[in-house]
Amino acid sequence: GAGASTGALALADVADVAGIRTRVLDAAAPTWSGLLGATVTELGAAEGWRRGRRGDGVLIDRVEESIRVPEEVPTPRSVDGVDLTVLDAGWSLRELAASQTGAWVATTAADVEVLVTRPNGLALSQTEAALADLEDQLDADQVVVVVVGASRWGDREFATAGRLLRTAHRQEAVLFTPLLPTKALPGLGPDPLPKQLTNPSQRLLERITTITGPLTANRN
C-alpha cells in the first residue's frame, strides 16, 4: 500500500527510455493489482498470465485468475529478449512469510530488493523489520529503500527510524519520491507517468545498475 506498483511501473518506464527491455511481473491477485490498466496493447493470455505491452520495450504480465494465497501465483511465463525483470510482489511481507510451500514469489532470489515505504512511524517500523529479514539473505548493498512522500531525510520524519534503515541512509541506499495527489495521478493507466515520478525512478535505475552492472549486457 505504500506505492510499490507505481514505483515498479515508473522504473519500467525509465528503463524503456534507456533502451533496457523490461518485463514487469505483477504477482498480485487481480482484485488487488495496481497495474490492470497500465498496458497500451493487450497481447492475450496463457499459462495463467495475461500479457500486455507498454511503450517500446515494456511487457507487463498480470495474474489472470482469482487467487487467494501466494502459493497460487502461477509460474512465470517464459520470455525472450528481456534485460530487466521487475517483480511487483503484490503480497504483504506477512503473507509471503506465511507461505507454507515455498511459493516462488516468496523464495525467488533477486539481484536487488527494493523496499517501498512511507515516512511515518508504523511504516518505518515495518521497514526495519523487513530489513532485518533480508539481512541474512542478501548483502547490504543489494537492498534499496524508496520512501514515498518525502524529499529528503529529515530528523522529524525519520526520528523513529531503526538502526538498519539509518545504516542504509548512510550508505546512500535510501531514495525519495513524491506522493502525488489524486488529481495529478488518478490511477496507473497507459499514458506515460509524470516526471515527478520518473525522475526519482531514474536515480533508482542508476542505483540498481551500480549493483547489477549494465543491464543491456544480458542481451543475446
N, C-alpha and C. Protein backbone atom coordinates (compact mmCIF):
# COMPACT_ATOMS: atom_id res chain seq x y z
N GLY A 1 0.78 -1.21 0.00
CA GLY A 1 0.00 0.00 0.00
C GLY A 1 0.82 1.27 0.00
N ALA A 2 2.13 1.15 0.01
CA ALA A 2 2.99 2.34 0.06
C ALA A 2 3.24 2.96 -1.30
N GLY A 3 2.98 2.21 -2.36
CA GLY A 3 3.23 2.71 -3.71
C GLY A 3 4.18 1.86 -4.52
N ALA A 4 4.26 0.56 -4.20
CA ALA A 4 5.21 -0.32 -4.90
C ALA A 4 4.85 -0.49 -6.37
N SER A 5 3.56 -0.61 -6.68
CA SER A 5 3.17 -0.78 -8.09
C SER A 5 3.51 0.45 -8.90
N THR A 6 3.27 1.63 -8.34
CA THR A 6 3.63 2.87 -9.02
C THR A 6 5.14 2.91 -9.25
N GLY A 7 5.90 2.52 -8.23
CA GLY A 7 7.35 2.51 -8.36
C GLY A 7 7.84 1.51 -9.40
N ALA A 8 7.20 0.33 -9.44
CA ALA A 8 7.59 -0.67 -10.43
C ALA A 8 7.33 -0.17 -11.84
N LEU A 9 6.20 0.49 -12.04
CA LEU A 9 5.86 0.99 -13.37
C LEU A 9 6.77 2.14 -13.77
N ALA A 10 7.07 3.03 -12.83
CA ALA A 10 7.96 4.15 -13.13
C ALA A 10 9.36 3.64 -13.47
N LEU A 11 9.82 2.62 -12.76
CA LEU A 11 11.12 2.03 -13.05
C LEU A 11 11.14 1.43 -14.45
N ALA A 12 10.07 0.74 -14.82
CA ALA A 12 9.98 0.15 -16.15
C ALA A 12 9.97 1.23 -17.22
N ASP A 13 9.28 2.33 -16.98
CA ASP A 13 9.21 3.41 -17.96
C ASP A 13 10.58 4.04 -18.20
N VAL A 14 11.33 4.30 -17.14
CA VAL A 14 12.64 4.93 -17.34
C VAL A 14 13.63 3.94 -17.95
N ALA A 15 13.48 2.66 -17.62
CA ALA A 15 14.33 1.65 -18.26
C ALA A 15 14.04 1.58 -19.75
N ASP A 16 12.77 1.69 -20.12
CA ASP A 16 12.38 1.67 -21.53
C ASP A 16 13.02 2.83 -22.28
N VAL A 17 12.98 4.01 -21.69
CA VAL A 17 13.60 5.19 -22.32
C VAL A 17 15.11 4.97 -22.50
N ALA A 18 15.71 4.25 -21.57
CA ALA A 18 17.15 3.97 -21.63
C ALA A 18 17.49 2.83 -22.58
N GLY A 19 16.48 2.24 -23.22
CA GLY A 19 16.73 1.13 -24.14
C GLY A 19 16.88 -0.21 -23.46
N ILE A 20 16.44 -0.30 -22.21
CA ILE A 20 16.52 -1.55 -21.45
C ILE A 20 15.17 -2.25 -21.56
N ARG A 21 15.16 -3.40 -22.19
CA ARG A 21 13.90 -4.13 -22.39
C ARG A 21 13.48 -4.78 -21.08
N THR A 22 12.27 -4.45 -20.64
CA THR A 22 11.85 -4.75 -19.27
C THR A 22 10.54 -5.52 -19.26
N ARG A 23 10.46 -6.48 -18.33
CA ARG A 23 9.19 -7.14 -18.03
C ARG A 23 8.83 -6.86 -16.58
N VAL A 24 7.57 -6.47 -16.36
CA VAL A 24 7.03 -6.32 -15.03
C VAL A 24 6.15 -7.53 -14.74
N LEU A 25 6.48 -8.25 -13.68
CA LEU A 25 5.66 -9.37 -13.22
C LEU A 25 4.79 -8.87 -12.08
N ASP A 26 3.50 -8.78 -12.31
CA ASP A 26 2.56 -8.33 -11.29
C ASP A 26 1.93 -9.57 -10.67
N ALA A 27 2.42 -9.96 -9.50
CA ALA A 27 2.00 -11.22 -8.88
C ALA A 27 0.79 -11.08 -7.98
N ALA A 28 0.17 -9.91 -7.94
CA ALA A 28 -1.00 -9.71 -7.09
C ALA A 28 -2.21 -10.43 -7.64
N ALA A 29 -3.13 -10.78 -6.75
CA ALA A 29 -4.44 -11.24 -7.21
C ALA A 29 -5.08 -10.11 -8.02
N PRO A 30 -5.81 -10.43 -9.10
CA PRO A 30 -6.35 -9.38 -9.97
C PRO A 30 -7.11 -8.28 -9.24
N THR A 31 -7.86 -8.64 -8.21
CA THR A 31 -8.64 -7.61 -7.50
C THR A 31 -7.75 -6.65 -6.71
N TRP A 32 -6.49 -7.03 -6.48
CA TRP A 32 -5.57 -6.19 -5.72
C TRP A 32 -4.50 -5.56 -6.61
N SER A 33 -4.53 -5.85 -7.89
CA SER A 33 -3.49 -5.36 -8.79
C SER A 33 -3.62 -3.85 -9.01
N GLY A 34 -2.48 -3.17 -9.04
CA GLY A 34 -2.47 -1.76 -9.39
C GLY A 34 -2.13 -1.52 -10.84
N LEU A 35 -1.91 -2.60 -11.61
CA LEU A 35 -1.42 -2.44 -12.98
C LEU A 35 -2.39 -2.94 -14.03
N LEU A 36 -3.64 -3.17 -13.66
CA LEU A 36 -4.60 -3.74 -14.62
C LEU A 36 -4.80 -2.85 -15.84
N GLY A 37 -4.71 -1.53 -15.66
CA GLY A 37 -4.94 -0.63 -16.78
C GLY A 37 -3.69 0.00 -17.33
N ALA A 38 -2.50 -0.56 -17.01
CA ALA A 38 -1.25 0.12 -17.34
C ALA A 38 -0.70 -0.21 -18.72
N THR A 39 -1.32 -1.14 -19.43
CA THR A 39 -0.80 -1.51 -20.74
C THR A 39 -1.47 -0.68 -21.84
N VAL A 40 -0.79 -0.55 -22.96
CA VAL A 40 -1.34 0.12 -24.14
C VAL A 40 -1.96 -0.91 -25.07
N THR A 41 -1.32 -2.06 -25.21
CA THR A 41 -1.80 -3.12 -26.11
C THR A 41 -1.86 -4.43 -25.35
N GLU A 42 -2.99 -5.11 -25.43
CA GLU A 42 -3.12 -6.43 -24.81
C GLU A 42 -2.66 -7.50 -25.80
N LEU A 43 -1.89 -8.47 -25.29
CA LEU A 43 -1.29 -9.49 -26.15
C LEU A 43 -1.84 -10.89 -25.88
N GLY A 44 -2.90 -10.98 -25.08
CA GLY A 44 -3.52 -12.28 -24.85
C GLY A 44 -3.08 -12.93 -23.55
N ALA A 45 -3.67 -14.08 -23.27
CA ALA A 45 -3.43 -14.79 -22.01
C ALA A 45 -2.95 -16.21 -22.30
N ALA A 46 -2.09 -16.71 -21.41
CA ALA A 46 -1.60 -18.08 -21.49
C ALA A 46 -0.94 -18.43 -20.17
N GLU A 47 -1.02 -19.71 -19.79
CA GLU A 47 -0.32 -20.24 -18.62
C GLU A 47 -0.64 -19.48 -17.35
N GLY A 48 -1.87 -18.97 -17.24
CA GLY A 48 -2.30 -18.30 -16.03
C GLY A 48 -1.97 -16.82 -15.95
N TRP A 49 -1.38 -16.28 -17.03
CA TRP A 49 -0.98 -14.88 -17.05
C TRP A 49 -1.61 -14.17 -18.24
N ARG A 50 -1.91 -12.89 -18.04
CA ARG A 50 -2.36 -12.02 -19.12
C ARG A 50 -1.26 -11.02 -19.40
N ARG A 51 -0.85 -10.96 -20.67
CA ARG A 51 0.30 -10.13 -21.05
C ARG A 51 -0.14 -8.91 -21.85
N GLY A 52 0.53 -7.78 -21.60
CA GLY A 52 0.29 -6.57 -22.35
C GLY A 52 1.60 -5.84 -22.60
N ARG A 53 1.55 -4.88 -23.49
CA ARG A 53 2.74 -4.10 -23.83
C ARG A 53 2.52 -2.64 -23.47
N ARG A 54 3.62 -2.00 -23.11
CA ARG A 54 3.60 -0.59 -22.76
C ARG A 54 4.88 0.03 -23.29
N GLY A 55 4.78 1.15 -23.96
CA GLY A 55 5.98 1.77 -24.51
C GLY A 55 6.60 0.92 -25.60
N ASP A 56 7.88 1.15 -25.86
CA ASP A 56 8.56 0.40 -26.92
C ASP A 56 9.04 -0.97 -26.46
N GLY A 57 9.42 -1.08 -25.17
CA GLY A 57 10.05 -2.32 -24.76
C GLY A 57 9.64 -2.83 -23.40
N VAL A 58 8.41 -2.54 -22.96
CA VAL A 58 7.95 -2.99 -21.65
C VAL A 58 6.82 -4.00 -21.82
N LEU A 59 6.99 -5.19 -21.25
CA LEU A 59 5.93 -6.18 -21.15
C LEU A 59 5.43 -6.21 -19.71
N ILE A 60 4.13 -6.33 -19.57
CA ILE A 60 3.55 -6.46 -18.23
C ILE A 60 2.74 -7.75 -18.20
N ASP A 61 3.12 -8.65 -17.31
CA ASP A 61 2.39 -9.90 -17.10
C ASP A 61 1.61 -9.80 -15.80
N ARG A 62 0.27 -9.99 -15.87
CA ARG A 62 -0.59 -9.95 -14.69
C ARG A 62 -1.29 -11.29 -14.51
N VAL A 63 -1.52 -11.67 -13.27
CA VAL A 63 -2.20 -12.92 -12.97
C VAL A 63 -3.61 -12.86 -13.55
N GLU A 64 -4.02 -13.93 -14.23
CA GLU A 64 -5.30 -13.91 -14.94
C GLU A 64 -6.48 -14.26 -14.06
N GLU A 65 -6.35 -15.30 -13.23
CA GLU A 65 -7.47 -15.80 -12.45
C GLU A 65 -7.39 -15.35 -10.99
N SER A 66 -8.52 -15.37 -10.32
CA SER A 66 -8.56 -15.01 -8.91
C SER A 66 -7.74 -16.02 -8.09
N ILE A 67 -6.92 -15.51 -7.19
CA ILE A 67 -6.11 -16.36 -6.32
C ILE A 67 -6.23 -15.85 -4.89
N ARG A 68 -5.93 -16.72 -3.93
CA ARG A 68 -6.15 -16.38 -2.53
C ARG A 68 -4.87 -16.31 -1.72
N VAL A 69 -3.84 -17.04 -2.13
CA VAL A 69 -2.59 -17.12 -1.37
C VAL A 69 -1.42 -17.09 -2.34
N PRO A 70 -0.22 -16.73 -1.88
CA PRO A 70 0.94 -16.67 -2.78
C PRO A 70 1.23 -17.97 -3.50
N GLU A 71 0.92 -19.11 -2.86
CA GLU A 71 1.19 -20.40 -3.50
C GLU A 71 0.42 -20.58 -4.81
N GLU A 72 -0.65 -19.84 -4.98
CA GLU A 72 -1.48 -19.98 -6.18
C GLU A 72 -1.02 -19.09 -7.33
N VAL A 73 0.00 -18.27 -7.12
CA VAL A 73 0.53 -17.45 -8.22
C VAL A 73 1.18 -18.37 -9.24
N PRO A 74 0.77 -18.32 -10.51
CA PRO A 74 1.33 -19.24 -11.50
C PRO A 74 2.83 -19.02 -11.69
N THR A 75 3.49 -20.06 -12.16
CA THR A 75 4.89 -19.92 -12.55
C THR A 75 4.99 -18.94 -13.71
N PRO A 76 5.93 -18.01 -13.69
CA PRO A 76 6.00 -17.01 -14.76
C PRO A 76 6.16 -17.62 -16.14
N ARG A 77 5.54 -16.98 -17.10
CA ARG A 77 5.70 -17.39 -18.49
C ARG A 77 7.13 -17.13 -18.95
N SER A 78 7.57 -17.92 -19.91
CA SER A 78 8.88 -17.68 -20.49
C SER A 78 8.83 -16.45 -21.39
N VAL A 79 9.96 -15.79 -21.53
CA VAL A 79 10.04 -14.61 -22.38
C VAL A 79 11.48 -14.46 -22.85
N ASP A 80 11.65 -14.04 -24.09
CA ASP A 80 12.98 -13.85 -24.67
C ASP A 80 13.28 -12.36 -24.79
N GLY A 81 14.57 -12.04 -24.77
CA GLY A 81 14.99 -10.68 -25.07
C GLY A 81 14.70 -9.66 -24.00
N VAL A 82 14.64 -10.08 -22.75
CA VAL A 82 14.38 -9.15 -21.65
C VAL A 82 15.68 -8.90 -20.89
N ASP A 83 15.98 -7.62 -20.64
CA ASP A 83 17.18 -7.25 -19.90
C ASP A 83 16.93 -7.14 -18.40
N LEU A 84 15.71 -6.74 -18.03
CA LEU A 84 15.39 -6.46 -16.63
C LEU A 84 14.00 -7.00 -16.32
N THR A 85 13.89 -7.79 -15.26
CA THR A 85 12.59 -8.23 -14.76
C THR A 85 12.32 -7.55 -13.42
N VAL A 86 11.18 -6.87 -13.35
CA VAL A 86 10.76 -6.19 -12.13
C VAL A 86 9.59 -6.96 -11.55
N LEU A 87 9.75 -7.52 -10.37
CA LEU A 87 8.68 -8.26 -9.70
C LEU A 87 7.96 -7.34 -8.73
N ASP A 88 6.69 -7.06 -9.03
CA ASP A 88 5.82 -6.35 -8.09
C ASP A 88 5.11 -7.45 -7.30
N ALA A 89 5.61 -7.73 -6.09
CA ALA A 89 5.20 -8.94 -5.38
C ALA A 89 3.69 -9.00 -5.12
N GLY A 90 3.08 -7.88 -4.77
CA GLY A 90 1.63 -7.85 -4.64
C GLY A 90 1.06 -8.49 -3.38
N TRP A 91 1.93 -8.92 -2.46
CA TRP A 91 1.50 -9.53 -1.20
C TRP A 91 2.28 -8.87 -0.08
N SER A 92 1.68 -8.83 1.09
CA SER A 92 2.39 -8.25 2.23
C SER A 92 3.53 -9.18 2.65
N LEU A 93 4.49 -8.62 3.36
CA LEU A 93 5.59 -9.44 3.87
C LEU A 93 5.08 -10.54 4.78
N ARG A 94 4.03 -10.26 5.52
CA ARG A 94 3.46 -11.27 6.42
C ARG A 94 2.88 -12.42 5.62
N GLU A 95 2.19 -12.11 4.52
CA GLU A 95 1.62 -13.16 3.68
C GLU A 95 2.71 -13.99 3.02
N LEU A 96 3.77 -13.33 2.58
CA LEU A 96 4.86 -14.06 1.94
C LEU A 96 5.59 -14.94 2.94
N ALA A 97 5.79 -14.42 4.15
CA ALA A 97 6.49 -15.20 5.18
C ALA A 97 5.68 -16.41 5.61
N ALA A 98 4.36 -16.32 5.50
CA ALA A 98 3.49 -17.42 5.92
C ALA A 98 3.31 -18.47 4.83
N SER A 99 3.92 -18.26 3.68
CA SER A 99 3.80 -19.22 2.58
C SER A 99 4.25 -20.60 3.05
N GLN A 100 3.36 -21.58 2.94
CA GLN A 100 3.62 -22.91 3.50
C GLN A 100 4.45 -23.80 2.60
N THR A 101 4.40 -23.58 1.31
CA THR A 101 5.07 -24.49 0.37
C THR A 101 6.17 -23.81 -0.42
N GLY A 102 6.66 -22.68 0.08
CA GLY A 102 7.75 -22.01 -0.62
C GLY A 102 7.33 -21.47 -1.96
N ALA A 103 6.27 -20.69 -2.02
CA ALA A 103 5.81 -20.09 -3.27
C ALA A 103 6.95 -19.34 -3.93
N TRP A 104 7.05 -19.45 -5.26
CA TRP A 104 8.19 -18.84 -5.95
C TRP A 104 8.25 -17.34 -5.71
N VAL A 105 7.10 -16.70 -5.57
CA VAL A 105 7.10 -15.24 -5.37
C VAL A 105 7.72 -14.87 -4.03
N ALA A 106 7.76 -15.81 -3.10
CA ALA A 106 8.36 -15.56 -1.79
C ALA A 106 9.81 -16.00 -1.70
N THR A 107 10.24 -16.90 -2.58
CA THR A 107 11.57 -17.50 -2.42
C THR A 107 12.55 -17.18 -3.54
N THR A 108 12.06 -16.65 -4.66
CA THR A 108 12.96 -16.36 -5.77
C THR A 108 13.99 -15.31 -5.38
N ALA A 109 15.25 -15.62 -5.60
CA ALA A 109 16.31 -14.67 -5.25
C ALA A 109 16.31 -13.50 -6.23
N ALA A 110 16.53 -12.31 -5.71
CA ALA A 110 16.60 -11.10 -6.53
C ALA A 110 18.01 -10.53 -6.50
N ASP A 111 18.43 -9.93 -7.60
CA ASP A 111 19.72 -9.24 -7.61
C ASP A 111 19.65 -7.99 -6.73
N VAL A 112 18.48 -7.35 -6.71
CA VAL A 112 18.26 -6.17 -5.89
C VAL A 112 16.86 -6.24 -5.29
N GLU A 113 16.77 -6.03 -3.98
CA GLU A 113 15.46 -5.93 -3.32
C GLU A 113 15.16 -4.45 -3.09
N VAL A 114 13.98 -4.02 -3.54
CA VAL A 114 13.56 -2.64 -3.36
C VAL A 114 12.38 -2.63 -2.39
N LEU A 115 12.56 -1.97 -1.25
CA LEU A 115 11.50 -1.82 -0.27
C LEU A 115 10.89 -0.43 -0.43
N VAL A 116 9.58 -0.38 -0.56
CA VAL A 116 8.87 0.90 -0.71
C VAL A 116 8.12 1.17 0.58
N THR A 117 8.30 2.37 1.12
CA THR A 117 7.72 2.69 2.42
C THR A 117 7.24 4.14 2.45
N ARG A 118 6.69 4.54 3.57
CA ARG A 118 6.22 5.91 3.78
C ARG A 118 6.93 6.49 5.01
N PRO A 119 7.02 7.82 5.12
CA PRO A 119 7.74 8.44 6.25
C PRO A 119 6.85 8.63 7.47
N ASN A 120 6.37 7.52 8.03
CA ASN A 120 5.63 7.60 9.30
C ASN A 120 6.08 6.46 10.20
N GLY A 121 5.74 6.55 11.46
CA GLY A 121 6.28 5.62 12.44
C GLY A 121 5.97 4.16 12.16
N LEU A 122 4.72 3.85 11.82
CA LEU A 122 4.35 2.46 11.57
C LEU A 122 5.08 1.91 10.36
N ALA A 123 5.10 2.68 9.27
CA ALA A 123 5.76 2.21 8.06
C ALA A 123 7.25 2.02 8.28
N LEU A 124 7.88 2.94 8.99
CA LEU A 124 9.32 2.81 9.24
C LEU A 124 9.62 1.62 10.13
N SER A 125 8.73 1.32 11.07
CA SER A 125 8.91 0.13 11.91
C SER A 125 8.82 -1.14 11.07
N GLN A 126 7.86 -1.17 10.14
CA GLN A 126 7.74 -2.33 9.26
C GLN A 126 8.94 -2.45 8.34
N THR A 127 9.47 -1.31 7.90
CA THR A 127 10.66 -1.32 7.05
C THR A 127 11.85 -1.89 7.80
N GLU A 128 12.00 -1.51 9.05
CA GLU A 128 13.11 -2.03 9.85
C GLU A 128 13.00 -3.55 9.99
N ALA A 129 11.77 -4.04 10.19
CA ALA A 129 11.56 -5.48 10.31
C ALA A 129 11.90 -6.18 8.99
N ALA A 130 11.51 -5.57 7.88
CA ALA A 130 11.82 -6.16 6.57
C ALA A 130 13.33 -6.17 6.33
N LEU A 131 14.00 -5.11 6.69
CA LEU A 131 15.46 -5.07 6.53
C LEU A 131 16.13 -6.14 7.39
N ALA A 132 15.59 -6.39 8.58
CA ALA A 132 16.15 -7.44 9.44
C ALA A 132 15.96 -8.80 8.80
N ASP A 133 14.81 -9.03 8.17
CA ASP A 133 14.58 -10.31 7.49
C ASP A 133 15.54 -10.50 6.33
N LEU A 134 15.85 -9.42 5.63
CA LEU A 134 16.72 -9.50 4.46
C LEU A 134 18.19 -9.56 4.82
N GLU A 135 18.50 -9.18 6.04
CA GLU A 135 19.90 -9.08 6.46
C GLU A 135 20.64 -10.40 6.33
N ASP A 136 19.95 -11.51 6.57
CA ASP A 136 20.58 -12.83 6.49
C ASP A 136 20.55 -13.41 5.09
N GLN A 137 19.82 -12.76 4.18
CA GLN A 137 19.64 -13.32 2.84
C GLN A 137 20.48 -12.62 1.78
N LEU A 138 20.74 -11.34 1.98
CA LEU A 138 21.40 -10.54 0.96
C LEU A 138 22.51 -9.70 1.57
N ASP A 139 23.45 -9.30 0.73
CA ASP A 139 24.42 -8.30 1.16
C ASP A 139 23.70 -6.97 1.32
N ALA A 140 24.21 -6.13 2.19
CA ALA A 140 23.56 -4.86 2.47
C ALA A 140 23.43 -3.99 1.22
N ASP A 141 24.41 -4.09 0.32
CA ASP A 141 24.36 -3.23 -0.87
C ASP A 141 23.40 -3.76 -1.94
N GLN A 142 22.69 -4.84 -1.66
CA GLN A 142 21.68 -5.34 -2.60
C GLN A 142 20.28 -4.86 -2.25
N VAL A 143 20.15 -4.04 -1.24
CA VAL A 143 18.84 -3.56 -0.78
C VAL A 143 18.75 -2.05 -0.95
N VAL A 144 17.66 -1.60 -1.54
CA VAL A 144 17.39 -0.17 -1.71
C VAL A 144 16.04 0.13 -1.09
N VAL A 145 15.94 1.22 -0.36
CA VAL A 145 14.69 1.66 0.24
C VAL A 145 14.21 2.92 -0.48
N VAL A 146 12.96 2.90 -0.92
CA VAL A 146 12.37 4.08 -1.55
C VAL A 146 11.28 4.61 -0.63
N VAL A 147 11.42 5.86 -0.21
CA VAL A 147 10.46 6.49 0.69
C VAL A 147 9.53 7.37 -0.15
N VAL A 148 8.24 7.05 -0.13
CA VAL A 148 7.24 7.79 -0.88
C VAL A 148 6.62 8.86 0.02
N GLY A 149 6.72 10.11 -0.41
CA GLY A 149 6.11 11.18 0.37
C GLY A 149 7.10 12.03 1.13
N ALA A 150 8.37 11.89 0.81
CA ALA A 150 9.40 12.72 1.42
C ALA A 150 10.42 13.09 0.35
N SER A 151 11.01 14.26 0.48
CA SER A 151 12.01 14.71 -0.50
C SER A 151 13.44 14.52 -0.01
N ARG A 152 13.60 14.29 1.29
CA ARG A 152 14.93 14.10 1.85
C ARG A 152 14.78 13.48 3.24
N TRP A 153 15.91 13.11 3.81
CA TRP A 153 15.94 12.57 5.17
C TRP A 153 15.90 13.74 6.16
N GLY A 154 14.86 13.80 6.95
CA GLY A 154 14.74 14.84 7.95
C GLY A 154 14.61 14.25 9.34
N ASP A 155 15.15 14.96 10.34
CA ASP A 155 15.14 14.45 11.71
C ASP A 155 13.72 14.22 12.23
N ARG A 156 12.79 15.06 11.82
CA ARG A 156 11.43 14.91 12.34
C ARG A 156 10.74 13.70 11.73
N GLU A 157 10.78 13.56 10.39
CA GLU A 157 10.09 12.44 9.74
C GLU A 157 10.71 11.10 10.09
N PHE A 158 12.03 11.08 10.30
CA PHE A 158 12.73 9.81 10.49
C PHE A 158 13.25 9.63 11.91
N ALA A 159 12.63 10.31 12.85
CA ALA A 159 13.05 10.19 14.25
C ALA A 159 12.92 8.76 14.76
N THR A 160 11.95 8.00 14.22
CA THR A 160 11.72 6.63 14.69
C THR A 160 12.46 5.59 13.85
N ALA A 161 13.27 6.03 12.89
CA ALA A 161 13.99 5.08 12.03
C ALA A 161 14.93 4.22 12.87
N GLY A 162 14.98 2.93 12.53
CA GLY A 162 15.81 2.00 13.25
C GLY A 162 17.24 1.95 12.75
N ARG A 163 18.03 1.10 13.39
CA ARG A 163 19.46 1.02 13.08
C ARG A 163 19.73 0.66 11.63
N LEU A 164 19.01 -0.33 11.09
CA LEU A 164 19.28 -0.79 9.74
C LEU A 164 18.90 0.25 8.69
N LEU A 165 17.80 0.93 8.93
CA LEU A 165 17.39 1.97 7.99
C LEU A 165 18.37 3.14 8.03
N ARG A 166 18.84 3.50 9.21
CA ARG A 166 19.82 4.57 9.31
C ARG A 166 21.14 4.18 8.63
N THR A 167 21.50 2.92 8.75
CA THR A 167 22.70 2.44 8.05
C THR A 167 22.52 2.53 6.55
N ALA A 168 21.35 2.12 6.05
CA ALA A 168 21.06 2.22 4.62
C ALA A 168 21.14 3.67 4.14
N HIS A 169 20.65 4.59 4.97
CA HIS A 169 20.73 6.01 4.61
C HIS A 169 22.18 6.47 4.52
N ARG A 170 22.99 6.07 5.46
CA ARG A 170 24.41 6.47 5.42
C ARG A 170 25.10 5.89 4.19
N GLN A 171 24.64 4.74 3.73
CA GLN A 171 25.24 4.11 2.55
C GLN A 171 24.58 4.57 1.25
N GLU A 172 23.77 5.63 1.33
CA GLU A 172 23.09 6.22 0.17
C GLU A 172 22.18 5.22 -0.53
N ALA A 173 21.59 4.32 0.27
CA ALA A 173 20.67 3.33 -0.28
C ALA A 173 19.22 3.67 0.04
N VAL A 174 18.95 4.89 0.49
CA VAL A 174 17.59 5.36 0.72
C VAL A 174 17.31 6.48 -0.28
N LEU A 175 16.30 6.27 -1.10
CA LEU A 175 15.91 7.24 -2.12
C LEU A 175 14.53 7.79 -1.80
N PHE A 176 14.20 8.90 -2.42
CA PHE A 176 12.95 9.58 -2.09
C PHE A 176 12.17 9.91 -3.35
N THR A 177 10.84 9.81 -3.25
CA THR A 177 9.96 10.12 -4.36
C THR A 177 8.69 10.75 -3.81
N PRO A 178 8.07 11.67 -4.55
CA PRO A 178 6.89 12.35 -4.01
C PRO A 178 5.65 11.46 -4.02
N LEU A 179 4.70 11.81 -3.17
CA LEU A 179 3.38 11.21 -3.18
C LEU A 179 2.47 12.19 -3.90
N LEU A 180 2.05 11.83 -5.12
CA LEU A 180 1.27 12.76 -5.92
C LEU A 180 -0.20 12.72 -5.51
N PRO A 181 -0.89 13.86 -5.53
CA PRO A 181 -2.32 13.87 -5.24
C PRO A 181 -3.11 13.16 -6.33
N THR A 182 -4.30 12.73 -5.99
CA THR A 182 -5.14 12.00 -6.95
C THR A 182 -5.38 12.80 -8.22
N LYS A 183 -5.47 14.10 -8.10
CA LYS A 183 -5.69 14.94 -9.28
C LYS A 183 -4.54 14.81 -10.27
N ALA A 184 -3.31 14.69 -9.76
CA ALA A 184 -2.14 14.58 -10.62
C ALA A 184 -1.94 13.15 -11.12
N LEU A 185 -2.36 12.17 -10.34
CA LEU A 185 -2.20 10.76 -10.72
C LEU A 185 -3.45 9.99 -10.29
N PRO A 186 -4.53 10.04 -11.09
CA PRO A 186 -5.77 9.38 -10.70
C PRO A 186 -5.69 7.87 -10.69
N GLY A 187 -4.72 7.33 -11.40
CA GLY A 187 -4.55 5.87 -11.47
C GLY A 187 -3.39 5.55 -12.39
N LEU A 188 -3.04 4.26 -12.47
CA LEU A 188 -1.95 3.83 -13.34
C LEU A 188 -2.54 3.37 -14.67
N GLY A 189 -2.58 4.28 -15.62
CA GLY A 189 -3.14 3.98 -16.92
C GLY A 189 -2.06 3.81 -17.98
N PRO A 190 -2.45 3.79 -19.26
CA PRO A 190 -1.48 3.56 -20.34
C PRO A 190 -0.60 4.76 -20.65
N ASP A 191 -0.97 5.94 -20.18
CA ASP A 191 -0.17 7.14 -20.50
C ASP A 191 1.13 7.15 -19.71
N PRO A 192 2.14 7.85 -20.24
CA PRO A 192 3.41 7.96 -19.50
C PRO A 192 3.19 8.61 -18.14
N LEU A 193 3.97 8.19 -17.18
CA LEU A 193 3.88 8.75 -15.84
C LEU A 193 4.52 10.14 -15.80
N PRO A 194 4.07 11.00 -14.89
CA PRO A 194 4.65 12.35 -14.81
C PRO A 194 6.11 12.33 -14.38
N LYS A 195 6.81 13.40 -14.75
CA LYS A 195 8.24 13.47 -14.46
C LYS A 195 8.52 13.50 -12.96
N GLN A 196 7.54 13.93 -12.16
CA GLN A 196 7.76 13.91 -10.70
C GLN A 196 8.05 12.50 -10.20
N LEU A 197 7.59 11.48 -10.96
CA LEU A 197 7.83 10.09 -10.59
C LEU A 197 8.99 9.47 -11.37
N THR A 198 9.10 9.81 -12.65
CA THR A 198 10.15 9.18 -13.45
C THR A 198 11.54 9.72 -13.11
N ASN A 199 11.64 10.97 -12.72
CA ASN A 199 12.96 11.49 -12.34
C ASN A 199 13.55 10.75 -11.14
N PRO A 200 12.79 10.55 -10.04
CA PRO A 200 13.33 9.74 -8.94
C PRO A 200 13.61 8.29 -9.36
N SER A 201 12.79 7.77 -10.27
CA SER A 201 12.99 6.39 -10.71
C SER A 201 14.26 6.26 -11.55
N GLN A 202 14.66 7.33 -12.19
CA GLN A 202 15.94 7.32 -12.90
C GLN A 202 17.08 7.11 -11.92
N ARG A 203 16.99 7.75 -10.77
CA ARG A 203 18.03 7.55 -9.74
C ARG A 203 17.99 6.12 -9.21
N LEU A 204 16.78 5.55 -9.10
CA LEU A 204 16.68 4.16 -8.67
C LEU A 204 17.31 3.23 -9.69
N LEU A 205 17.06 3.47 -10.96
CA LEU A 205 17.66 2.65 -12.01
C LEU A 205 19.18 2.74 -11.96
N GLU A 206 19.69 3.94 -11.74
CA GLU A 206 21.14 4.10 -11.65
C GLU A 206 21.71 3.33 -10.47
N ARG A 207 20.98 3.35 -9.35
CA ARG A 207 21.43 2.60 -8.17
C ARG A 207 21.43 1.10 -8.46
N ILE A 208 20.38 0.63 -9.14
CA ILE A 208 20.29 -0.79 -9.47
C ILE A 208 21.44 -1.21 -10.38
N THR A 209 21.75 -0.40 -11.38
CA THR A 209 22.80 -0.78 -12.32
C THR A 209 24.19 -0.70 -11.71
N THR A 210 24.36 0.07 -10.62
CA THR A 210 25.65 0.02 -9.93
C THR A 210 25.83 -1.33 -9.24
N ILE A 211 24.72 -2.00 -8.95
CA ILE A 211 24.77 -3.32 -8.31
C ILE A 211 24.87 -4.44 -9.34
N THR A 212 24.06 -4.33 -10.40
CA THR A 212 23.97 -5.42 -11.38
C THR A 212 24.96 -5.30 -12.52
N GLY A 213 25.46 -4.10 -12.74
CA GLY A 213 26.21 -3.84 -13.97
C GLY A 213 25.25 -3.46 -15.08
N PRO A 214 25.77 -3.15 -16.28
CA PRO A 214 24.91 -2.73 -17.39
C PRO A 214 23.88 -3.81 -17.73
N LEU A 215 22.62 -3.43 -17.72
CA LEU A 215 21.56 -4.43 -17.92
C LEU A 215 21.46 -4.90 -19.35
N THR A 216 21.82 -4.07 -20.31
CA THR A 216 21.76 -4.49 -21.70
C THR A 216 22.81 -5.53 -22.03
N ALA A 217 23.75 -5.75 -21.10
CA ALA A 217 24.73 -6.81 -21.33
C ALA A 217 24.11 -8.19 -21.31
N ASN A 218 22.84 -8.28 -20.82
CA ASN A 218 22.17 -9.57 -20.75
C ASN A 218 21.59 -10.00 -22.09
N ARG A 219 21.66 -9.14 -23.10
CA ARG A 219 21.05 -9.48 -24.38
C ARG A 219 21.83 -10.57 -25.09
N ASN A 220 21.09 -11.40 -25.84
CA ASN A 220 21.74 -12.44 -26.62
C ASN A 220 22.34 -11.86 -27.89
